[in-house]
Amino acid sequence: VFMNPIVENVIEVGSIMKPLTLAASMDNGSITASTTYTDKGFLLFGSSKIENYDGKARGLADMQKVLNESLNTGAVFAMQKMGKDKFRDYMLGYGFGEKTGIELPQEAKNNISNITGNSRDIEYATASFGQGIALTPIAMVSALSSLANGGLLMKPHIVKEESIKGLKNRVKVPQEIRRVIKKETSEEITRMLINVVDNALVGGIHKIEHYSVAAKTGTAQLVEGGKKSYSEEEFIHTFFGYAPAFDAKFLTFLFIVKPQGAKYASNTLTEPFMDITKFLLNYYEIPPDR
């Protein structure tokens, strides 16, 4: 009853991992936004098969299309271009190998053993699009915030000020942990995520005319209870976004476990995200940026 799933649970986050994978590969110089590959709709790793969400091939596709149409094969391509070692280094750089240290009890440990204790290509491939590794939502938010703030991993905190008897109040200040990606990389991935909202997310019908919003959806399969295989019927839906995109004042992250009546996160979480975003922009009187 009293568990805080934002901190105490780990989840497979799905396709909201793709912007982190692409940002890492771009930062490493392995790809650019216009890099193309041939998408056959699937990839084979021994007897294992990875498919796009709809199983369809797109032919020649660039990295913007990978985000717009959430192509699993494209995330794997970006990971393979930089190599497994570099990919793992960036994932650790994003903070997934440690707890955030937020001032809340029972923070869970991220489970990224598939890429730290393993060298199988299939594990790295699935991790590139957010499956096979499990993260706390707060750790994921910290990592995603590096895309919004110019490339820095910051320590999340909820305490603004501490009053200590007989002493001056101790004010908590934002704490930078390390730079994860270059400022230029964060600006480029932000531009790509704005394109997702303006043109691809439910056909672009939810874009906000005078505000740039960067966002991405995720739909991850759940492991069936007591088994090691994924369910074809149960999912986790995730959604993150930030606004105004090039001078972000807030990042919103939503997730639903076992949503009913809709298979994809774009159908369940787009409207709640946009409602929250519009409310925040209005409430904090944030001026338009376009």
C-alpha atoms as a PDB file:
ATOM      1  CA  VAL A   1       0.000   0.000   0.000  1.00  0.00           C
ATOM      2  CA  PHE A   2       2.732   2.443   0.932  1.00  0.00           C
ATOM      3  CA  MET A   3       5.243   1.556  -1.782  1.00  0.00           C
ATOM      4  CA  ASN A   4       6.438   4.363  -4.029  1.00  0.00           C
ATOM      5  CA  PRO A   5       6.851   2.727  -7.456  1.00  0.00           C
ATOM      6  CA  ILE A   6       8.764   5.739  -8.787  1.00  0.00           C
ATOM      7  CA  VAL A   7      11.657   4.807  -6.499  1.00  0.00           C
ATOM      8  CA  GLU A   8      11.046   1.302  -5.152  1.00  0.00           C
ATOM      9  CA  ASN A   9      10.135  -0.590  -8.346  1.00  0.00           C
ATOM     10  CA  VAL A  10      12.090  -1.372 -11.491  1.00  0.00           C
ATOM     11  CA  ILE A  11      10.427  -1.633 -14.897  1.00  0.00           C
ATOM     12  CA  GLU A  12      11.450  -2.398 -18.458  1.00  0.00           C
ATOM     13  CA  VAL A  13      10.959   1.056 -19.944  1.00  0.00           C
ATOM     14  CA  GLY A  14      10.602   0.194 -23.621  1.00  0.00           C
ATOM     15  CA  SER A  15      11.112   2.628 -26.472  1.00  0.00           C
ATOM     16  CA  ILE A  16      11.746   5.724 -24.375  1.00  0.00           C
ATOM     17  CA  MET A  17      15.253   4.210 -24.217  1.00  0.00           C
ATOM     18  CA  LYS A  18      15.735   4.858 -27.946  1.00  0.00           C
ATOM     19  CA  PRO A  19      16.525   8.579 -27.579  1.00  0.00           C
ATOM     20  CA  LEU A  20      19.249   7.693 -25.038  1.00  0.00           C
ATOM     21  CA  THR A  21      20.697   5.066 -27.394  1.00  0.00           C
ATOM     22  CA  LEU A  22      20.646   7.380 -30.410  1.00  0.00           C
ATOM     23  CA  ALA A  23      22.062  10.272 -28.378  1.00  0.00           C
ATOM     24  CA  ALA A  24      24.933   8.056 -27.203  1.00  0.00           C
ATOM     25  CA  SER A  25      25.730   6.903 -30.735  1.00  0.00           C
ATOM     26  CA  MET A  26      25.567  10.473 -32.079  1.00  0.00           C
ATOM     27  CA  ASP A  27      27.698  11.750 -29.208  1.00  0.00           C
ATOM     28  CA  ASN A  28      30.248   9.051 -29.976  1.00  0.00           C
ATOM     29  CA  GLY A  29      30.356  10.170 -33.606  1.00  0.00           C
ATOM     30  CA  SER A  30      29.089   6.830 -34.878  1.00  0.00           C
ATOM     31  CA  ILE A  31      25.886   8.197 -36.439  1.00  0.00           C
ATOM     32  CA  THR A  32      24.163  11.490 -37.264  1.00  0.00           C
ATOM     33  CA  ALA A  33      20.465  12.274 -37.496  1.00  0.00           C
ATOM     34  CA  SER A  34      20.649  11.677 -41.265  1.00  0.00           C
ATOM     35  CA  THR A  35      22.506   8.342 -41.077  1.00  0.00           C
ATOM     36  CA  THR A  36      20.536   5.653 -42.912  1.00  0.00           C
ATOM     37  CA  TYR A  37      20.293   1.880 -42.751  1.00  0.00           C
ATOM     38  CA  THR A  38      18.190  -0.729 -44.528  1.00  0.00           C
ATOM     39  CA  ASP A  39      15.325  -1.862 -42.321  1.00  0.00           C
ATOM     40  CA  LYS A  40      14.113  -5.359 -43.126  1.00  0.00           C
ATOM     41  CA  GLY A  41      11.592  -5.312 -40.290  1.00  0.00           C
ATOM     42  CA  PHE A  42      13.507  -7.847 -38.223  1.00  0.00           C
ATOM     43  CA  LEU A  43      16.959  -8.940 -37.041  1.00  0.00           C
ATOM     44  CA  LEU A  44      18.184 -12.454 -36.260  1.00  0.00           C
ATOM     45  CA  PHE A  45      20.495 -13.328 -33.386  1.00  0.00           C
ATOM     46  CA  GLY A  46      21.025 -17.061 -33.607  1.00  0.00           C
ATOM     47  CA  SER A  47      17.593 -18.574 -33.018  1.00  0.00           C
ATOM     48  CA  SER A  48      16.217 -15.314 -31.599  1.00  0.00           C
ATOM     49  CA  LYS A  49      14.323 -12.794 -33.705  1.00  0.00           C
ATOM     50  CA  ILE A  50      13.839  -9.095 -32.993  1.00  0.00           C
ATOM     51  CA  GLU A  51      11.060  -7.348 -34.897  1.00  0.00           C
ATOM     52  CA  ASN A  52       9.651  -3.869 -35.233  1.00  0.00           C
ATOM     53  CA  TYR A  53       6.428  -3.373 -33.274  1.00  0.00           C
ATOM     54  CA  ASP A  54       4.377  -4.082 -36.397  1.00  0.00           C
ATOM     55  CA  GLY A  55       6.787  -6.588 -37.964  1.00  0.00           C
ATOM     56  CA  LYS A  56       7.004  -4.446 -41.115  1.00  0.00           C
ATOM     57  CA  ALA A  57      10.084  -3.367 -43.060  1.00  0.00           C
ATOM     58  CA  ARG A  58      10.655   0.310 -43.864  1.00  0.00           C
ATOM     59  CA  GLY A  59      13.462  -0.076 -46.399  1.00  0.00           C
ATOM     60  CA  LEU A  60      15.948   2.798 -46.328  1.00  0.00           C
ATOM     61  CA  ALA A  61      15.375   4.692 -43.061  1.00  0.00           C
ATOM     62  CA  ASP A  62      17.221   7.513 -41.312  1.00  0.00           C
ATOM     63  CA  MET A  63      17.511   8.071 -37.565  1.00  0.00           C
ATOM     64  CA  GLN A  64      14.624  10.543 -37.486  1.00  0.00           C
ATOM     65  CA  LYS A  65      12.385   7.840 -38.920  1.00  0.00           C
ATOM     66  CA  VAL A  66      13.691   5.462 -36.216  1.00  0.00           C
ATOM     67  CA  LEU A  67      12.277   7.814 -33.564  1.00  0.00           C
ATOM     68  CA  ASN A  68       9.149   8.830 -35.477  1.00  0.00           C
ATOM     69  CA  GLU A  69       8.106   5.238 -36.159  1.00  0.00           C
ATOM     70  CA  SER A  70       9.846   3.728 -33.111  1.00  0.00           C
ATOM     71  CA  LEU A  71      11.852   1.160 -35.044  1.00  0.00           C
ATOM     72  CA  ASN A  72      13.527  -1.462 -32.870  1.00  0.00           C
ATOM     73  CA  THR A  73      15.867  -2.376 -35.700  1.00  0.00           C
ATOM     74  CA  GLY A  74      17.069   1.233 -35.851  1.00  0.00           C
ATOM     75  CA  ALA A  75      17.920   1.348 -32.162  1.00  0.00           C
ATOM     76  CA  VAL A  76      19.906  -1.872 -32.566  1.00  0.00           C
ATOM     77  CA  PHE A  77      21.680  -0.380 -35.608  1.00  0.00           C
ATOM     78  CA  ALA A  78      22.673   2.727 -33.615  1.00  0.00           C
ATOM     79  CA  MET A  79      23.977   0.562 -30.768  1.00  0.00           C
ATOM     80  CA  GLN A  80      25.952  -1.676 -33.109  1.00  0.00           C
ATOM     81  CA  LYS A  81      27.543   1.292 -34.888  1.00  0.00           C
ATOM     82  CA  MET A  82      29.191   2.430 -31.651  1.00  0.00           C
ATOM     83  CA  GLY A  83      29.826  -1.095 -30.376  1.00  0.00           C
ATOM     84  CA  LYS A  84      28.806  -2.933 -27.234  1.00  0.00           C
ATOM     85  CA  ASP A  85      31.557  -1.533 -25.020  1.00  0.00           C
ATOM     86  CA  LYS A  86      30.786   2.095 -25.844  1.00  0.00           C
ATOM     87  CA  PHE A  87      27.057   1.451 -25.481  1.00  0.00           C
ATOM     88  CA  ARG A  88      27.586  -0.023 -22.018  1.00  0.00           C
ATOM     89  CA  ASP A  89      29.835   2.895 -21.059  1.00  0.00           C
ATOM     90  CA  TYR A  90      27.127   5.398 -21.989  1.00  0.00           C
ATOM     91  CA  MET A  91      24.458   3.420 -20.135  1.00  0.00           C
ATOM     92  CA  LEU A  92      26.646   3.543 -17.033  1.00  0.00           C
ATOM     93  CA  GLY A  93      27.271   7.232 -17.734  1.00  0.00           C
ATOM     94  CA  TYR A  94      23.510   7.833 -17.685  1.00  0.00           C
ATOM     95  CA  GLY A  95      23.574   6.519 -14.104  1.00  0.00           C
ATOM     96  CA  PHE A  96      22.012   3.088 -14.581  1.00  0.00           C
ATOM     97  CA  GLY A  97      24.776   1.353 -12.670  1.00  0.00           C
ATOM     98  CA  GLU A  98      24.048   3.241  -9.443  1.00  0.00           C
ATOM     99  CA  LYS A  99      21.207   4.509  -7.292  1.00  0.00           C
ATOM    100  CA  THR A 100      20.238   8.165  -7.641  1.00  0.00           C
ATOM    101  CA  GLY A 101      20.461   8.810  -3.896  1.00  0.00           C
ATOM    102  CA  ILE A 102      17.194  10.737  -3.831  1.00  0.00           C
ATOM    103  CA  GLU A 103      15.973  11.436  -0.267  1.00  0.00           C
ATOM    104  CA  LEU A 104      13.274   8.773  -0.297  1.00  0.00           C
ATOM    105  CA  PRO A 105      13.317   5.370   1.397  1.00  0.00           C
ATOM    106  CA  GLN A 106      13.870   1.936  -0.175  1.00  0.00           C
ATOM    107  CA  GLU A 107      15.335   3.075  -3.483  1.00  0.00           C
ATOM    108  CA  ALA A 108      15.690  -0.022  -5.652  1.00  0.00           C
ATOM    109  CA  LYS A 109      18.782  -0.977  -7.579  1.00  0.00           C
ATOM    110  CA  ASN A 110      18.603  -0.919 -11.370  1.00  0.00           C
ATOM    111  CA  ASN A 111      19.024  -4.300 -13.041  1.00  0.00           C
ATOM    112  CA  ILE A 112      21.374  -3.942 -16.001  1.00  0.00           C
ATOM    113  CA  SER A 113      23.184  -7.259 -15.523  1.00  0.00           C
ATOM    114  CA  ASN A 114      22.271  -8.211 -19.113  1.00  0.00           C
ATOM    115  CA  ILE A 115      24.863  -5.704 -20.362  1.00  0.00           C
ATOM    116  CA  THR A 116      27.335  -5.593 -17.479  1.00  0.00           C
ATOM    117  CA  GLY A 117      27.677  -9.309 -16.783  1.00  0.00           C
ATOM    118  CA  ASN A 118      27.052 -10.599 -20.253  1.00  0.00           C
ATOM    119  CA  SER A 119      28.520 -10.326 -23.744  1.00  0.00           C
ATOM    120  CA  ARG A 120      25.675 -11.839 -25.769  1.00  0.00           C
ATOM    121  CA  ASP A 121      24.750  -9.675 -28.736  1.00  0.00           C
ATOM    122  CA  ILE A 122      21.020 -10.278 -28.198  1.00  0.00           C
ATOM    123  CA  GLU A 123      21.129  -8.739 -24.699  1.00  0.00           C
ATOM    124  CA  TYR A 124      22.707  -5.524 -25.982  1.00  0.00           C
ATOM    125  CA  ALA A 125      20.276  -5.441 -28.883  1.00  0.00           C
ATOM    126  CA  THR A 126      17.186  -5.615 -26.662  1.00  0.00           C
ATOM    127  CA  ALA A 127      18.676  -3.150 -24.153  1.00  0.00           C
ATOM    128  CA  SER A 128      19.040  -0.584 -26.959  1.00  0.00           C
ATOM    129  CA  PHE A 129      15.239  -0.308 -27.128  1.00  0.00           C
ATOM    130  CA  GLY A 130      14.512  -0.719 -23.434  1.00  0.00           C
ATOM    131  CA  GLN A 131      13.874  -4.434 -22.953  1.00  0.00           C
ATOM    132  CA  GLY A 132      15.868  -6.924 -20.893  1.00  0.00           C
ATOM    133  CA  ILE A 133      17.091  -4.301 -18.447  1.00  0.00           C
ATOM    134  CA  ALA A 134      14.936  -2.904 -15.625  1.00  0.00           C
ATOM    135  CA  LEU A 135      15.255   0.598 -14.186  1.00  0.00           C
ATOM    136  CA  THR A 136      13.596   2.666 -11.493  1.00  0.00           C
ATOM    137  CA  PRO A 137      11.483   5.456 -12.984  1.00  0.00           C
ATOM    138  CA  ILE A 138      13.506   8.039 -11.035  1.00  0.00           C
ATOM    139  CA  ALA A 139      16.751   6.720 -12.575  1.00  0.00           C
ATOM    140  CA  MET A 140      15.196   6.890 -16.023  1.00  0.00           C
ATOM    141  CA  VAL A 141      13.994  10.446 -15.429  1.00  0.00           C
ATOM    142  CA  SER A 142      17.484  11.466 -14.306  1.00  0.00           C
ATOM    143  CA  ALA A 143      18.977  10.004 -17.491  1.00  0.00           C
ATOM    144  CA  LEU A 144      16.338  11.508 -19.783  1.00  0.00           C
ATOM    145  CA  SER A 145      16.836  14.907 -18.168  1.00  0.00           C
ATOM    146  CA  SER A 146      20.366  14.938 -19.579  1.00  0.00           C
ATOM    147  CA  LEU A 147      18.776  15.210 -23.039  1.00  0.00           C
ATOM    148  CA  ALA A 148      16.862  18.280 -21.888  1.00  0.00           C
ATOM    149  CA  ASN A 149      19.460  20.172 -19.859  1.00  0.00           C
ATOM    150  CA  GLY A 150      22.452  20.242 -22.187  1.00  0.00           C
ATOM    151  CA  GLY A 151      23.892  16.813 -21.427  1.00  0.00           C
ATOM    152  CA  LEU A 152      24.338  16.741 -17.650  1.00  0.00           C
ATOM    153  CA  LEU A 153      23.379  14.003 -15.208  1.00  0.00           C
ATOM    154  CA  MET A 154      21.971  15.753 -12.144  1.00  0.00           C
ATOM    155  CA  LYS A 155      21.228  14.288  -8.745  1.00  0.00           C
ATOM    156  CA  PRO A 156      17.444  14.331  -8.224  1.00  0.00           C
ATOM    157  CA  HIS A 157      16.220  15.738  -4.913  1.00  0.00           C
ATOM    158  CA  ILE A 158      12.917  16.563  -3.243  1.00  0.00           C
ATOM    159  CA  VAL A 159      14.214  18.529  -0.237  1.00  0.00           C
ATOM    160  CA  LYS A 160      14.623  22.244  -0.896  1.00  0.00           C
ATOM    161  CA  GLU A 161      15.799  23.356   2.529  1.00  0.00           C
ATOM    162  CA  GLU A 162      16.667  21.782   5.890  1.00  0.00           C
ATOM    163  CA  SER A 163      16.128  23.578   9.179  1.00  0.00           C
ATOM    164  CA  ILE A 164      18.671  22.558  11.801  1.00  0.00           C
ATOM    165  CA  LYS A 165      18.068  23.563  15.397  1.00  0.00           C
ATOM    166  CA  GLY A 166      20.348  26.389  16.468  1.00  0.00           C
ATOM    167  CA  LEU A 167      21.991  26.643  13.046  1.00  0.00           C
ATOM    168  CA  LYS A 168      21.341  28.451   9.803  1.00  0.00           C
ATOM    169  CA  ASN A 169      18.994  26.641   7.420  1.00  0.00           C
ATOM    170  CA  ARG A 170      20.812  24.410   4.948  1.00  0.00           C
ATOM    171  CA  VAL A 171      19.627  25.095   1.412  1.00  0.00           C
ATOM    172  CA  LYS A 172      19.898  22.232  -1.066  1.00  0.00           C
ATOM    173  CA  VAL A 173      21.366  23.295  -4.393  1.00  0.00           C
ATOM    174  CA  PRO A 174      21.216  21.354  -7.688  1.00  0.00           C
ATOM    175  CA  GLN A 175      24.094  18.899  -7.802  1.00  0.00           C
ATOM    176  CA  GLU A 176      25.803  17.992 -11.058  1.00  0.00           C
ATOM    177  CA  ILE A 177      27.120  14.418 -11.108  1.00  0.00           C
ATOM    178  CA  ARG A 178      28.829  14.404 -14.501  1.00  0.00           C
ATOM    179  CA  ARG A 179      28.508  15.320 -18.129  1.00  0.00           C
ATOM    180  CA  VAL A 180      27.030  12.418 -20.097  1.00  0.00           C
ATOM    181  CA  ILE A 181      26.719  13.827 -23.612  1.00  0.00           C
ATOM    182  CA  LYS A 182      27.880  17.012 -25.320  1.00  0.00           C
ATOM    183  CA  LYS A 183      25.611  20.061 -25.348  1.00  0.00           C
ATOM    184  CA  GLU A 184      25.424  19.840 -29.148  1.00  0.00           C
ATOM    185  CA  THR A 185      24.224  16.233 -28.923  1.00  0.00           C
ATOM    186  CA  SER A 186      21.458  17.147 -26.470  1.00  0.00           C
ATOM    187  CA  GLU A 187      20.305  19.925 -28.815  1.00  0.00           C
ATOM    188  CA  GLU A 188      20.259  17.567 -31.799  1.00  0.00           C
ATOM    189  CA  ILE A 189      18.291  14.808 -30.056  1.00  0.00           C
ATOM    190  CA  THR A 190      15.907  17.480 -28.731  1.00  0.00           C
ATOM    191  CA  ARG A 191      15.325  18.740 -32.261  1.00  0.00           C
ATOM    192  CA  MET A 192      14.566  15.165 -33.331  1.00  0.00           C
ATOM    193  CA  LEU A 193      12.135  14.634 -30.435  1.00  0.00           C
ATOM    194  CA  ILE A 194      10.308  17.866 -31.326  1.00  0.00           C
ATOM    195  CA  ASN A 195       9.891  16.428 -34.820  1.00  0.00           C
ATOM    196  CA  VAL A 196       8.358  13.310 -33.228  1.00  0.00           C
ATOM    197  CA  VAL A 197       5.687  15.421 -31.491  1.00  0.00           C
ATOM    198  CA  ASP A 198       5.042  17.804 -34.390  1.00  0.00           C
ATOM    199  CA  ASN A 199       4.801  15.203 -37.135  1.00  0.00           C
ATOM    200  CA  ALA A 200       4.597  11.618 -35.884  1.00  0.00           C
ATOM    201  CA  LEU A 201       2.865  11.348 -32.501  1.00  0.00           C
ATOM    202  CA  VAL A 202      -0.746  10.421 -33.369  1.00  0.00           C
ATOM    203  CA  GLY A 203      -0.186  12.171 -36.696  1.00  0.00           C
ATOM    204  CA  GLY A 204       0.997  15.395 -35.060  1.00  0.00           C
ATOM    205  CA  ILE A 205      -2.501  16.385 -33.909  1.00  0.00           C
ATOM    206  CA  HIS A 206      -1.357  17.150 -30.360  1.00  0.00           C
ATOM    207  CA  LYS A 207       1.477  19.557 -31.118  1.00  0.00           C
ATOM    208  CA  ILE A 208       1.222  22.863 -29.268  1.00  0.00           C
ATOM    209  CA  GLU A 209       1.350  25.741 -31.743  1.00  0.00           C
ATOM    210  CA  HIS A 210       3.451  28.208 -29.748  1.00  0.00           C
ATOM    211  CA  TYR A 211       5.490  25.798 -27.630  1.00  0.00           C
ATOM    212  CA  SER A 212       8.085  23.259 -28.685  1.00  0.00           C
ATOM    213  CA  VAL A 213       7.622  19.928 -26.917  1.00  0.00           C
ATOM    214  CA  ALA A 214      10.123  17.030 -27.126  1.00  0.00           C
ATOM    215  CA  ALA A 215       8.638  13.614 -26.336  1.00  0.00           C
ATOM    216  CA  LYS A 216       8.689   9.876 -26.977  1.00  0.00           C
ATOM    217  CA  THR A 217       6.413   6.942 -26.180  1.00  0.00           C
ATOM    218  CA  GLY A 218       7.336   3.433 -25.102  1.00  0.00           C
ATOM    219  CA  THR A 219       5.510   0.108 -25.097  1.00  0.00           C
ATOM    220  CA  ALA A 220       7.314  -2.772 -23.375  1.00  0.00           C
ATOM    221  CA  GLN A 221       6.206  -6.376 -23.108  1.00  0.00           C
ATOM    222  CA  LEU A 222       5.866  -7.755 -19.597  1.00  0.00           C
ATOM    223  CA  VAL A 223       7.458 -11.005 -18.527  1.00  0.00           C
ATOM    224  CA  GLU A 224       4.746 -13.569 -17.839  1.00  0.00           C
ATOM    225  CA  GLY A 225       4.325 -14.431 -14.186  1.00  0.00           C
ATOM    226  CA  GLY A 226       6.626 -17.259 -13.124  1.00  0.00           C
ATOM    227  CA  LYS A 227       8.094 -17.614 -16.631  1.00  0.00           C
ATOM    228  CA  LYS A 228      11.087 -16.284 -18.527  1.00  0.00           C
ATOM    229  CA  SER A 229       9.141 -15.446 -21.664  1.00  0.00           C
ATOM    230  CA  TYR A 230       7.312 -12.240 -22.558  1.00  0.00           C
ATOM    231  CA  SER A 231       3.548 -12.018 -22.573  1.00  0.00           C
ATOM    232  CA  GLU A 232       1.811 -11.213 -25.841  1.00  0.00           C
ATOM    233  CA  GLU A 233      -1.095  -9.651 -23.954  1.00  0.00           C
ATOM    234  CA  GLU A 234       0.400  -7.592 -21.103  1.00  0.00           C
ATOM    235  CA  PHE A 235       2.446  -4.424 -21.480  1.00  0.00           C
ATOM    236  CA  ILE A 236       3.934  -1.436 -19.724  1.00  0.00           C
ATOM    237  CA  HIS A 237       3.205   1.895 -21.385  1.00  0.00           C
ATOM    238  CA  THR A 238       5.673   4.735 -20.852  1.00  0.00           C
ATOM    239  CA  PHE A 239       5.802   8.344 -22.012  1.00  0.00           C
ATOM    240  CA  PHE A 240       8.259  11.143 -21.359  1.00  0.00           C
ATOM    241  CA  GLY A 241       8.585  14.670 -22.636  1.00  0.00           C
ATOM    242  CA  TYR A 242       9.951  18.094 -21.776  1.00  0.00           C
ATOM    243  CA  ALA A 243       9.020  21.678 -22.576  1.00  0.00           C
ATOM    244  CA  PRO A 244       9.797  24.293 -23.736  1.00  0.00           C
ATOM    245  CA  ALA A 245      12.132  21.924 -25.515  1.00  0.00           C
ATOM    246  CA  PHE A 246      15.270  24.075 -25.879  1.00  0.00           C
ATOM    247  CA  ASP A 247      14.902  25.726 -22.472  1.00  0.00           C
ATOM    248  CA  ALA A 248      13.124  22.980 -20.547  1.00  0.00           C
ATOM    249  CA  LYS A 249      11.444  23.984 -17.282  1.00  0.00           C
ATOM    250  CA  PHE A 250      10.116  20.516 -16.502  1.00  0.00           C
ATOM    251  CA  LEU A 251      10.207  16.907 -17.658  1.00  0.00           C
ATOM    252  CA  THR A 252       7.140  14.705 -17.294  1.00  0.00           C
ATOM    253  CA  PHE A 253       7.288  10.922 -17.118  1.00  0.00           C
ATOM    254  CA  LEU A 254       4.203   8.695 -17.076  1.00  0.00           C
ATOM    255  CA  PHE A 255       3.806   4.940 -17.012  1.00  0.00           C
ATOM    256  CA  ILE A 256       0.960   2.432 -16.786  1.00  0.00           C
ATOM    257  CA  VAL A 257       1.385  -1.247 -15.909  1.00  0.00           C
ATOM    258  CA  LYS A 258      -1.019  -3.592 -17.717  1.00  0.00           C
ATOM    259  CA  PRO A 259      -3.178  -0.960 -19.450  1.00  0.00           C
ATOM    260  CA  GLN A 260      -6.514  -2.233 -20.733  1.00  0.00           C
ATOM    261  CA  GLY A 261      -8.141  -1.609 -24.082  1.00  0.00           C
ATOM    262  CA  ALA A 262      -5.152  -0.184 -25.970  1.00  0.00           C
ATOM    263  CA  LYS A 263      -1.925  -1.803 -27.098  1.00  0.00           C
ATOM    264  CA  TYR A 264       0.282   1.265 -27.554  1.00  0.00           C
ATOM    265  CA  ALA A 265       1.315   4.073 -25.220  1.00  0.00           C
ATOM    266  CA  SER A 266       0.461   6.682 -27.846  1.00  0.00           C
ATOM    267  CA  ASN A 267      -3.202   5.699 -27.363  1.00  0.00           C
ATOM    268  CA  THR A 268      -3.180   5.778 -23.552  1.00  0.00           C
ATOM    269  CA  LEU A 269      -0.686   8.443 -22.446  1.00  0.00           C
ATOM    270  CA  THR A 270      -0.485  11.127 -25.143  1.00  0.00           C
ATOM    271  CA  GLU A 271      -3.541  13.064 -23.970  1.00  0.00           C
ATOM    272  CA  PRO A 272      -2.690  12.879 -20.238  1.00  0.00           C
ATOM    273  CA  PHE A 273       0.847  14.058 -21.022  1.00  0.00           C
ATOM    274  CA  MET A 274      -0.390  16.958 -23.135  1.00  0.00           C
ATOM    275  CA  ASP A 275      -2.959  17.932 -20.486  1.00  0.00           C
ATOM    276  CA  ILE A 276      -0.239  18.039 -17.819  1.00  0.00           C
ATOM    277  CA  THR A 277       2.147  19.942 -20.101  1.00  0.00           C
ATOM    278  CA  LYS A 278      -0.415  22.599 -21.027  1.00  0.00           C
ATOM    279  CA  PHE A 279      -1.372  22.983 -17.364  1.00  0.00           C
ATOM    280  CA  LEU A 280       2.249  23.469 -16.285  1.00  0.00           C
ATOM    281  CA  LEU A 281       2.995  25.960 -19.063  1.00  0.00           C
ATOM    282  CA  ASN A 282      -0.079  27.938 -18.056  1.00  0.00           C
ATOM    283  CA  TYR A 283       0.314  27.622 -14.284  1.00  0.00           C
ATOM    284  CA  TYR A 284       3.946  28.758 -14.264  1.00  0.00           C
ATOM    285  CA  GLU A 285       3.235  31.414 -16.924  1.00  0.00           C
ATOM    286  CA  ILE A 286       6.056  30.153 -19.135  1.00  0.00           C
ATOM    287  CA  PRO A 287       6.366  32.323 -22.247  1.00  0.00           C
ATOM    288  CA  PRO A 288       5.946  30.757 -25.717  1.00  0.00           C
ATOM    289  CA  ASP A 289       9.152  29.774 -27.487  1.00  0.00           C
ATOM    290  CA  ARG A 290       7.978  29.653 -31.070  1.00  0.00           C
END
